[in-house]
Amino acid sequence: MKYKRTLVWFRNDLRLHDNVALFSAIEKSEEIIPVYCFDPRQFRILDLGFPKTGSHQSEFLIQAVDNLRKNLQELGSNLLILNGRPEDLIPEITKEYQIDAVYFSEEVTSEEIAVEKALESSLWKIGIEAITFWQSTLFHLDDLPFPINQTPEVFTQFRKECEKFSEVRKPLSAPEVVNSPKINWGDFPDLSSYGIGKVPVSLRAVMEFKGGEDAGMARIDSYFWEKDCLKTYKETRNGLLGADYSSKFSPWLALGCISPRFIFEEVKKYESERKKNQSTYWMIFELIWRDYFRFIAKKHGRKIFLVSGIKDNVDNWVRNEQLFWKWAEGKTGIPFIDANMRELNETGFMSNRGRQNVASFLVNDLNIDWRWGAAYFESQLIDYDVCSNWGNWMYVAGVGNDPRENRYFNILKQANNYDRKGDYIRQWIPELQAIPGYDIHQPFELSTKQLKEYKISLGGTYPHPMVKIPKF
């Protein structure tokens, strides 16, 4: 059966390549109306006083949607951009333009599922078919070697079974043309009511992140092929400074501007044309971690957002907003924590190493409710991915899938391992830059005379430490 007209609702799949919903709609329809919806619920202010989607992430999203619109226009189509609740607006669009079916990507977490169900219910009432597609992961849901309710709780088992029994599907090419009717596509909606403002460019950022499929593809090309960084990825991925210590693909993966299957294919191509080693495998290894958290989220549902996590742990967390905001603003008095939080706030990005340390500090040293940290990351990170974010926070907080009981990071040991000379601290905490070498990580260990010599006043130019950090 061929539809006359299909609406393709873009969500976290803002790309033309390897887009199963779009590909299927083109295959089975005479005309396509692509739609994106800015949902006001995604920009609401949370109880702690910050927006659910902060300014860095908002700007990246707007750029990605705009790039999708441009790319669709080049294929003879366009993007109808709506401002409101999808379950309210999409049924109206289907009636207005005599649409036969609505295609969209399936999500796995509670808020997104609630929207899907509400939309499907509204469409059913007016006789419109809603068809969903799985396309956010490396391994397809239907290709897993176990039912979703038997997804292994330990990552290593999950990885080994998937690697042994599952194949990664070939990515789909981008369409060459998208047939759309002549309608009033309108302009980009005014989003000022969401409090989205222009983000100042940070001169200290590791790199400029620009949203969209074009920028994501350019980053893959640069990292793999132009700079040849993939061959040393495993050795450099725990870095803190510079654009190329890690791939930085995560912001584009989070919004679906690039497909994990496309990255997988590029790795395989790199292995055949350049080099195959532990680093090339490790890139795939990290994509499998991303899959793992998504399938765990699908298995456990709302539990990944509960204070008890998926382990049903007792709630013994502290909820002290004053302590939380010192952490969030990078004013803990622990340089390695403060530098990472300041980078996050100024740029919307933080290294993987930094994320593990600041999360450990919040939950293990301050005993603050881990969900507060997860929510703050959700607001600030340009690469926010609901499953990976909440899965990783559960992991560090000891309420998730970690087989180890205590995932504590010794901050000073970590600082010594990854920033021994203190260059990262000097980048983000200029008031401490006069302190030489590793001592910059522990100004609280210096004498009053030394601090005076460096023109530093604890409690004045830089805070006293919130807690006593164990030495290593």
Protein backbone atom coordinates (compact mmCIF):
# COMPACT_ATOMS: atom_id res chain seq x y z
CA MET A 1 0.00 0.00 0.00
CA LYS A 2 1.31 3.43 -0.98
CA TYR A 3 0.26 6.49 1.01
CA LYS A 4 -0.63 9.72 -0.72
CA ARG A 5 1.01 11.85 1.98
CA THR A 6 3.08 10.99 5.09
CA LEU A 7 4.24 13.24 7.91
CA VAL A 8 7.75 12.47 9.21
CA TRP A 9 8.17 13.79 12.74
CA PHE A 10 11.85 14.37 13.46
CA ARG A 11 12.92 13.94 17.10
CA ASN A 12 16.45 12.97 18.16
CA ASP A 13 17.21 11.88 14.59
CA LEU A 14 18.09 15.21 12.97
CA ARG A 15 19.77 13.81 9.87
CA LEU A 16 19.10 12.62 6.34
CA HIS A 17 21.61 9.73 6.23
CA ASP A 18 20.65 6.44 7.88
CA ASN A 19 17.23 7.75 8.85
CA VAL A 20 14.93 4.73 8.73
CA ALA A 21 11.73 6.72 9.36
CA LEU A 22 12.46 9.11 6.51
CA PHE A 23 13.69 6.33 4.19
CA SER A 24 10.56 4.23 4.82
CA ALA A 25 8.25 7.21 4.34
CA ILE A 26 9.85 8.05 1.00
CA GLU A 27 9.58 4.42 -0.07
CA LYS A 28 5.89 4.13 0.82
CA SER A 29 4.52 7.61 0.11
CA GLU A 30 4.02 9.92 -2.83
CA GLU A 31 4.67 13.04 -0.75
CA ILE A 32 6.44 13.77 2.53
CA ILE A 33 5.89 16.58 5.03
CA PRO A 34 8.89 16.72 7.40
CA VAL A 35 8.08 18.27 10.81
CA TYR A 36 10.05 19.28 13.89
CA CYS A 37 8.38 20.46 17.10
CA PHE A 38 9.94 22.63 19.81
CA ASP A 39 8.17 21.35 22.92
CA PRO A 40 7.89 24.01 25.70
CA ARG A 41 8.14 21.28 28.36
CA GLN A 42 11.77 20.77 27.35
CA PHE A 43 12.62 24.34 28.35
CA ARG A 44 10.77 24.63 31.67
CA ILE A 45 12.51 25.78 34.85
CA LEU A 46 13.18 22.91 37.26
CA ASP A 47 12.71 23.05 41.03
CA LEU A 48 16.38 23.85 41.63
CA GLY A 49 16.04 27.01 39.54
CA PHE A 50 17.77 26.12 36.27
CA PRO A 51 16.14 25.26 32.90
CA LYS A 52 15.67 21.67 31.81
CA THR A 53 17.45 22.59 28.56
CA GLY A 54 20.11 25.25 29.08
CA SER A 55 21.45 27.86 26.69
CA HIS A 56 24.40 25.89 25.24
CA GLN A 57 22.26 22.87 24.47
CA SER A 58 19.44 25.06 23.13
CA GLU A 59 21.72 26.84 20.70
CA PHE A 60 23.19 23.55 19.47
CA LEU A 61 19.66 22.19 18.95
CA ILE A 62 18.53 25.27 17.02
CA GLN A 63 21.59 25.00 14.77
CA ALA A 64 20.87 21.30 14.18
CA VAL A 65 17.21 21.92 13.26
CA ASP A 66 18.20 24.79 10.98
CA ASN A 67 20.78 22.60 9.24
CA LEU A 68 18.21 19.84 8.74
CA ARG A 69 15.86 22.38 7.18
CA LYS A 70 18.59 23.60 4.81
CA ASN A 71 19.49 20.06 3.76
CA LEU A 72 15.84 19.19 3.12
CA GLN A 73 15.45 22.35 1.03
CA GLU A 74 18.38 21.24 -1.12
CA LEU A 75 16.45 18.02 -1.88
CA GLY A 76 13.34 19.92 -2.95
CA SER A 77 11.54 19.67 0.39
CA ASN A 78 11.52 21.73 3.59
CA LEU A 79 10.94 21.43 7.32
CA LEU A 80 7.75 22.57 9.01
CA ILE A 81 8.91 23.83 12.42
CA LEU A 82 6.23 23.93 15.10
CA ASN A 83 6.23 25.51 18.55
CA GLY A 84 4.11 23.61 21.07
CA ARG A 85 3.19 20.12 22.25
CA PRO A 86 3.60 17.51 19.48
CA GLU A 87 0.54 15.53 20.58
CA ASP A 88 -1.59 18.68 20.14
CA LEU A 89 -0.07 20.15 16.99
CA ILE A 90 0.68 17.13 14.80
CA PRO A 91 -2.94 15.86 14.67
CA GLU A 92 -3.99 19.37 13.55
CA ILE A 93 -1.37 19.31 10.79
CA THR A 94 -2.55 15.88 9.61
CA LYS A 95 -6.10 17.20 9.22
CA GLU A 96 -5.01 20.42 7.53
CA TYR A 97 -2.87 18.67 4.92
CA GLN A 98 -4.84 15.41 4.45
CA ILE A 99 -2.04 13.22 5.79
CA ASP A 100 -2.47 9.42 5.81
CA ALA A 101 0.27 8.34 8.24
CA VAL A 102 2.78 9.72 10.74
CA TYR A 103 6.27 8.18 10.94
CA PHE A 104 8.71 8.82 13.79
CA SER A 105 11.58 7.35 15.80
CA GLU A 106 10.90 5.39 18.96
CA GLU A 107 12.33 6.63 22.25
CA VAL A 108 12.72 4.65 25.49
CA THR A 109 12.31 6.97 28.49
CA SER A 110 9.17 7.99 30.34
CA GLU A 111 8.60 11.60 29.21
CA GLU A 112 9.20 10.77 25.56
CA ILE A 113 7.05 7.63 25.72
CA ALA A 114 4.20 9.63 27.30
CA VAL A 115 4.28 12.04 24.35
CA GLU A 116 4.34 9.12 21.87
CA LYS A 117 1.32 7.48 23.51
CA ALA A 118 -0.64 10.73 23.67
CA LEU A 119 0.11 11.40 20.00
CA GLU A 120 -0.79 7.86 18.92
CA SER A 121 -4.07 8.11 20.86
CA SER A 122 -4.96 11.43 19.21
CA LEU A 123 -4.10 10.10 15.76
CA TRP A 124 -6.07 6.89 16.29
CA LYS A 125 -9.18 8.91 17.08
CA ILE A 126 -9.02 10.62 13.68
CA GLY A 127 -8.06 7.49 11.75
CA ILE A 128 -4.40 8.32 11.11
CA GLU A 129 -1.81 5.54 11.32
CA ALA A 130 1.25 6.11 13.55
CA ILE A 131 4.31 4.01 12.71
CA THR A 132 7.47 4.00 14.84
CA PHE A 133 11.03 3.01 13.99
CA TRP A 134 13.99 1.93 16.12
CA GLN A 135 17.17 3.71 15.02
CA SER A 136 19.07 5.28 17.91
CA THR A 137 21.52 2.45 18.59
CA LEU A 138 24.41 0.60 16.99
CA PHE A 139 22.73 -2.80 17.44
CA HIS A 140 19.07 -2.87 16.44
CA LEU A 141 16.57 -3.80 19.12
CA ASP A 142 15.34 -6.71 16.99
CA ASP A 143 18.88 -8.07 16.58
CA LEU A 144 19.75 -8.40 20.27
CA PRO A 145 20.62 -11.96 21.34
CA PHE A 146 18.22 -11.70 24.30
CA PRO A 147 14.75 -10.24 24.99
CA ILE A 148 14.86 -6.70 26.39
CA ASN A 149 13.69 -7.84 29.84
CA GLN A 150 16.73 -10.14 30.00
CA THR A 151 19.30 -7.50 29.05
CA PRO A 152 22.41 -8.31 31.12
CA GLU A 153 22.90 -5.97 34.07
CA VAL A 154 26.69 -6.05 33.70
CA PHE A 155 28.12 -4.21 30.70
CA THR A 156 30.85 -6.77 29.94
CA GLN A 157 28.31 -9.56 29.52
CA PHE A 158 26.09 -7.31 27.38
CA ARG A 159 29.04 -6.37 25.14
CA LYS A 160 30.33 -9.91 24.69
CA GLU A 161 26.93 -11.32 23.78
CA CYS A 162 26.20 -8.53 21.31
CA GLU A 163 29.64 -8.81 19.70
CA LYS A 164 29.29 -12.59 19.39
CA PHE A 165 25.69 -12.94 18.25
CA SER A 166 24.57 -9.61 16.72
CA GLU A 167 25.45 -7.87 13.47
CA VAL A 168 25.46 -4.13 12.96
CA ARG A 169 23.08 -3.23 10.17
CA LYS A 170 24.40 -1.29 7.19
CA PRO A 171 23.59 2.43 7.38
CA LEU A 172 21.18 3.84 4.80
CA SER A 173 22.35 6.49 2.36
CA ALA A 174 20.77 9.93 2.43
CA PRO A 175 17.93 10.36 -0.10
CA GLU A 176 18.65 12.22 -3.32
CA VAL A 177 15.22 13.83 -3.47
CA VAL A 178 12.29 14.31 -1.08
CA ASN A 179 8.95 14.99 -2.75
CA SER A 180 6.85 17.41 -0.73
CA PRO A 181 3.64 19.32 -1.50
CA LYS A 182 3.56 23.08 -1.93
CA ILE A 183 2.49 24.34 1.50
CA ASN A 184 3.24 27.35 3.66
CA TRP A 185 6.37 26.14 5.45
CA GLY A 186 6.64 29.34 7.48
CA ASP A 187 9.68 30.78 9.22
CA PHE A 188 11.74 29.60 12.16
CA PRO A 189 9.48 30.18 15.21
CA ASP A 190 10.27 32.81 17.83
CA LEU A 191 11.62 30.89 20.83
CA SER A 192 12.37 33.92 23.01
CA SER A 193 9.62 32.92 25.47
CA TYR A 194 11.76 29.91 26.40
CA GLY A 195 14.50 32.18 27.71
CA ILE A 196 16.92 31.06 25.02
CA GLY A 197 19.57 33.69 24.46
CA LYS A 198 22.67 33.92 22.32
CA VAL A 199 25.56 32.14 24.00
CA PRO A 200 28.83 34.12 24.13
CA VAL A 201 31.70 32.38 22.36
CA SER A 202 34.22 30.97 24.82
CA LEU A 203 37.83 31.54 23.83
CA ARG A 204 38.85 28.78 26.26
CA ALA A 205 36.58 26.05 24.83
CA VAL A 206 38.28 22.87 23.56
CA MET A 207 36.62 23.45 20.17
CA GLU A 208 33.63 25.12 18.56
CA PHE A 209 30.60 22.84 18.56
CA LYS A 210 28.06 23.62 15.86
CA GLY A 211 24.84 21.68 15.64
CA GLY A 212 23.73 19.81 12.55
CA GLU A 213 24.44 16.86 10.28
CA ASP A 214 26.93 18.81 8.16
CA ALA A 215 29.06 19.77 11.17
CA GLY A 216 28.86 16.23 12.57
CA MET A 217 30.04 14.71 9.30
CA ALA A 218 32.81 17.29 9.09
CA ARG A 219 33.99 16.32 12.58
CA ILE A 220 34.15 12.62 11.64
CA ASP A 221 36.09 13.48 8.51
CA SER A 222 38.49 15.71 10.44
CA TYR A 223 39.10 13.33 13.37
CA PHE A 224 39.39 10.10 11.36
CA TRP A 225 40.80 11.12 8.02
CA GLU A 226 42.36 14.59 8.05
CA LYS A 227 44.08 14.49 11.45
CA ASP A 228 44.36 10.69 11.70
CA CYS A 229 43.48 10.80 15.41
CA LEU A 230 41.63 7.50 15.57
CA LYS A 231 44.84 5.45 15.68
CA THR A 232 45.69 6.85 19.14
CA TYR A 233 42.16 7.31 20.53
CA LYS A 234 42.53 4.76 23.36
CA GLU A 235 45.70 6.44 24.63
CA THR A 236 44.45 10.03 24.45
CA ARG A 237 40.74 9.73 25.29
CA ASN A 238 41.20 10.65 28.97
CA GLY A 239 42.68 14.04 28.13
CA LEU A 240 41.42 17.40 29.37
CA LEU A 241 42.78 20.05 27.01
CA GLY A 242 42.46 20.47 23.25
CA ALA A 243 40.07 19.47 20.49
CA ASP A 244 41.44 16.06 19.55
CA TYR A 245 42.20 14.09 22.72
CA SER A 246 38.80 12.43 22.11
CA SER A 247 36.40 12.22 19.20
CA LYS A 248 33.83 14.72 20.59
CA PHE A 249 31.16 12.98 18.49
CA SER A 250 28.75 12.84 21.44
CA PRO A 251 26.84 16.14 20.84
CA TRP A 252 25.94 15.06 17.29
CA LEU A 253 25.10 11.53 18.41
CA ALA A 254 22.82 12.88 21.15
CA LEU A 255 20.57 14.69 18.66
CA GLY A 256 20.95 12.05 15.98
CA CYS A 257 22.81 14.41 13.63
CA ILE A 258 25.12 11.47 12.97
CA SER A 259 24.25 7.79 13.14
CA PRO A 260 26.22 5.32 15.31
CA ARG A 261 26.03 2.86 12.42
CA PHE A 262 27.67 5.40 10.12
CA ILE A 263 30.52 5.86 12.62
CA PHE A 264 30.88 2.07 12.83
CA GLU A 265 31.18 1.87 9.02
CA GLU A 266 33.77 4.65 8.99
CA VAL A 267 35.81 2.80 11.65
CA LYS A 268 35.73 -0.37 9.54
CA LYS A 269 36.77 1.64 6.49
CA TYR A 270 39.61 3.22 8.51
CA GLU A 271 40.75 -0.20 9.68
CA SER A 272 40.95 -1.47 6.11
CA GLU A 273 42.58 1.64 4.65
CA ARG A 274 44.76 2.97 7.49
CA LYS A 275 45.20 0.93 10.65
CA LYS A 276 43.43 -1.57 12.87
CA ASN A 277 44.42 -1.58 16.54
CA GLN A 278 43.08 -1.26 20.09
CA SER A 279 42.10 2.37 19.45
CA THR A 280 39.88 1.57 16.50
CA TYR A 281 38.17 -1.14 18.55
CA TRP A 282 37.79 1.25 21.49
CA MET A 283 35.73 3.65 19.38
CA ILE A 284 33.25 0.82 18.76
CA PHE A 285 33.52 -0.19 22.43
CA GLU A 286 32.29 3.28 23.44
CA LEU A 287 29.38 3.07 21.00
CA ILE A 288 28.41 -0.23 22.65
CA TRP A 289 28.44 1.52 26.06
CA ARG A 290 25.97 4.03 24.60
CA ASP A 291 23.75 1.14 23.41
CA TYR A 292 23.99 -0.52 26.79
CA PHE A 293 22.60 2.46 28.69
CA ARG A 294 19.76 2.82 26.18
CA PHE A 295 18.71 -0.82 26.47
CA ILE A 296 19.04 -0.71 30.27
CA ALA A 297 16.75 2.34 30.26
CA LYS A 298 14.23 0.47 28.13
CA LYS A 299 14.40 -2.53 30.44
CA HIS A 300 13.98 -0.62 33.72
CA GLY A 301 11.70 2.23 32.67
CA ARG A 302 11.09 4.98 35.26
CA LYS A 303 13.41 3.37 37.82
CA ILE A 304 16.46 5.06 36.26
CA PHE A 305 15.04 8.42 37.44
CA LEU A 306 14.15 7.32 40.98
CA VAL A 307 16.44 8.11 43.91
CA SER A 308 16.71 4.36 44.65
CA GLY A 309 17.84 3.66 41.08
CA ILE A 310 17.54 0.15 39.71
CA LYS A 311 18.99 -1.37 42.90
CA ASP A 312 16.16 -0.13 45.14
CA ASN A 313 18.71 1.40 47.52
CA VAL A 314 17.71 3.24 50.67
CA ASP A 315 17.48 7.04 50.31
CA ASN A 316 20.13 8.50 52.64
CA TRP A 317 21.10 11.50 50.50
CA VAL A 318 21.59 15.07 51.68
CA ARG A 319 19.55 17.81 49.96
CA ASN A 320 21.47 20.96 50.78
CA GLU A 321 21.05 23.56 48.01
CA GLN A 322 23.87 25.75 49.31
CA LEU A 323 26.37 22.89 49.01
CA PHE A 324 24.94 21.90 45.63
CA TRP A 325 25.34 25.39 44.17
CA LYS A 326 28.96 25.61 45.33
CA TRP A 327 29.56 22.46 43.32
CA ALA A 328 27.54 23.65 40.33
CA GLU A 329 29.26 27.05 40.18
CA GLY A 330 32.77 25.65 40.56
CA LYS A 331 33.35 27.10 44.03
CA THR A 332 34.18 24.00 46.05
CA GLY A 333 37.76 25.01 46.82
CA ILE A 334 38.97 21.82 45.10
CA PRO A 335 40.67 23.06 41.89
CA PHE A 336 40.21 19.87 39.84
CA ILE A 337 36.45 19.92 40.54
CA ASP A 338 36.05 23.67 40.08
CA ALA A 339 37.93 23.78 36.77
CA ASN A 340 35.73 21.08 35.27
CA MET A 341 32.50 22.71 36.46
CA ARG A 342 33.61 26.09 35.15
CA GLU A 343 34.37 24.55 31.76
CA LEU A 344 30.90 22.97 31.72
CA ASN A 345 29.17 26.23 32.60
CA GLU A 346 31.09 28.32 30.08
CA THR A 347 31.08 25.90 27.14
CA GLY A 348 28.43 23.19 27.69
CA PHE A 349 31.10 20.50 27.48
CA MET A 350 33.27 18.51 29.88
CA SER A 351 35.66 15.62 29.32
CA ASN A 352 34.68 12.10 30.31
CA ARG A 353 37.40 12.12 32.96
CA GLY A 354 36.03 15.36 34.37
CA ARG A 355 32.47 14.06 34.48
CA GLN A 356 33.44 11.01 36.51
CA ASN A 357 35.35 13.11 39.03
CA VAL A 358 32.77 15.85 39.59
CA ALA A 359 30.00 13.26 39.86
CA SER A 360 31.98 11.23 42.39
CA PHE A 361 32.69 14.39 44.40
CA LEU A 362 29.01 15.37 44.55
CA VAL A 363 27.71 11.97 45.59
CA ASN A 364 30.63 10.53 47.58
CA ASP A 365 32.27 13.57 49.20
CA LEU A 366 29.17 15.75 49.64
CA ASN A 367 26.53 12.96 49.73
CA ILE A 368 24.18 15.17 47.69
CA ASP A 369 21.21 13.51 45.96
CA TRP A 370 22.68 12.14 42.73
CA ARG A 371 19.58 13.16 40.76
CA TRP A 372 20.42 16.82 41.35
CA GLY A 373 23.72 16.32 39.59
CA ALA A 374 22.08 14.37 36.76
CA ALA A 375 19.52 17.14 36.29
CA TYR A 376 22.24 19.81 36.22
CA PHE A 377 24.14 17.87 33.56
CA GLU A 378 20.88 17.50 31.63
CA SER A 379 20.55 21.27 31.61
CA GLN A 380 24.14 22.19 30.83
CA LEU A 381 25.60 19.54 28.51
CA ILE A 382 25.40 20.06 24.75
CA ASP A 383 25.73 16.29 24.39
CA TYR A 384 22.98 15.45 26.85
CA ASP A 385 21.67 11.97 26.14
CA VAL A 386 18.95 10.93 28.57
CA CYS A 387 20.00 7.27 28.84
CA SER A 388 23.76 7.76 29.02
CA ASN A 389 23.46 10.67 31.45
CA TRP A 390 21.14 9.04 33.96
CA GLY A 391 22.80 5.66 33.50
CA ASN A 392 26.24 7.07 34.26
CA TRP A 393 25.01 9.02 37.28
CA MET A 394 23.35 5.89 38.68
CA TYR A 395 26.62 4.08 38.08
CA VAL A 396 28.70 6.58 40.09
CA ALA A 397 26.04 6.88 42.79
CA GLY A 398 26.04 3.13 43.39
CA VAL A 399 22.37 2.69 42.50
CA GLY A 400 22.94 1.43 38.95
CA ASN A 401 24.70 -1.37 37.12
CA ASP A 402 28.19 -1.07 38.55
CA PRO A 403 29.29 -4.45 39.96
CA ARG A 404 31.60 -2.54 42.31
CA GLU A 405 29.96 -1.31 45.50
CA ASN A 406 31.87 1.98 45.78
CA ARG A 407 32.87 3.95 42.69
CA TYR A 408 34.93 6.59 44.56
CA PHE A 409 37.46 8.77 42.74
CA ASN A 410 40.40 10.09 44.72
CA ILE A 411 40.46 13.63 43.34
CA LEU A 412 44.12 14.39 44.02
CA LYS A 413 45.23 11.07 42.58
CA GLN A 414 43.15 11.70 39.49
CA ALA A 415 44.61 15.19 39.19
CA ASN A 416 48.10 13.76 39.44
CA ASN A 417 47.36 11.15 36.78
CA TYR A 418 45.69 13.43 34.25
CA ASP A 419 46.90 16.98 34.96
CA ARG A 420 50.19 16.60 36.80
CA LYS A 421 51.58 19.96 35.68
CA GLY A 422 48.32 21.79 36.37
CA ASP A 423 47.82 23.15 32.85
CA TYR A 424 44.10 22.38 32.91
CA ILE A 425 43.63 24.26 36.18
CA ARG A 426 45.49 27.30 34.82
CA GLN A 427 43.15 27.31 31.83
CA TRP A 428 40.00 27.50 33.94
CA ILE A 429 41.05 28.98 37.28
CA PRO A 430 43.31 31.90 36.36
CA GLU A 431 43.38 33.18 39.95
CA LEU A 432 45.55 30.15 40.83
CA GLN A 433 47.84 30.20 37.80
CA ALA A 434 50.84 31.56 39.69
CA ILE A 435 51.15 28.31 41.67
CA PRO A 436 53.74 26.11 39.93
CA GLY A 437 53.40 22.45 39.00
CA TYR A 438 51.14 19.99 40.79
CA ASP A 439 50.78 22.26 43.83
CA ILE A 440 48.09 24.17 41.95
CA HIS A 441 45.79 21.24 42.72
CA GLN A 442 46.17 21.67 46.47
CA PRO A 443 46.49 25.38 47.38
CA PHE A 444 45.04 24.46 50.79
CA GLU A 445 48.30 22.58 51.54
CA LEU A 446 50.49 25.64 50.97
CA SER A 447 51.73 27.87 53.79
CA THR A 448 50.35 31.36 54.36
CA LYS A 449 53.70 32.72 53.20
CA GLN A 450 53.56 30.77 49.93
CA LEU A 451 49.97 31.83 49.24
CA LYS A 452 50.87 35.45 49.88
CA GLU A 453 53.80 35.16 47.49
CA TYR A 454 51.39 33.91 44.81
CA LYS A 455 48.87 36.67 45.69
CA ILE A 456 46.25 34.14 46.72
CA SER A 457 43.92 34.40 49.68
CA LEU A 458 41.93 31.32 50.62
CA GLY A 459 38.45 32.50 51.40
CA GLY A 460 39.19 35.62 49.37
CA THR A 461 40.54 35.16 45.86
CA TYR A 462 39.76 31.42 45.99
CA PRO A 463 37.43 29.43 48.32
CA HIS A 464 38.48 27.27 51.24
CA PRO A 465 37.91 23.58 50.42
CA MET A 466 34.40 22.37 51.26
CA VAL A 467 35.72 19.03 52.52
CA LYS A 468 39.05 17.52 53.41
CA ILE A 469 40.28 15.61 50.38
CA PRO A 470 42.22 12.39 51.13
CA LYS A 471 45.78 12.30 49.87
CA PHE A 472 47.05 9.44 47.76
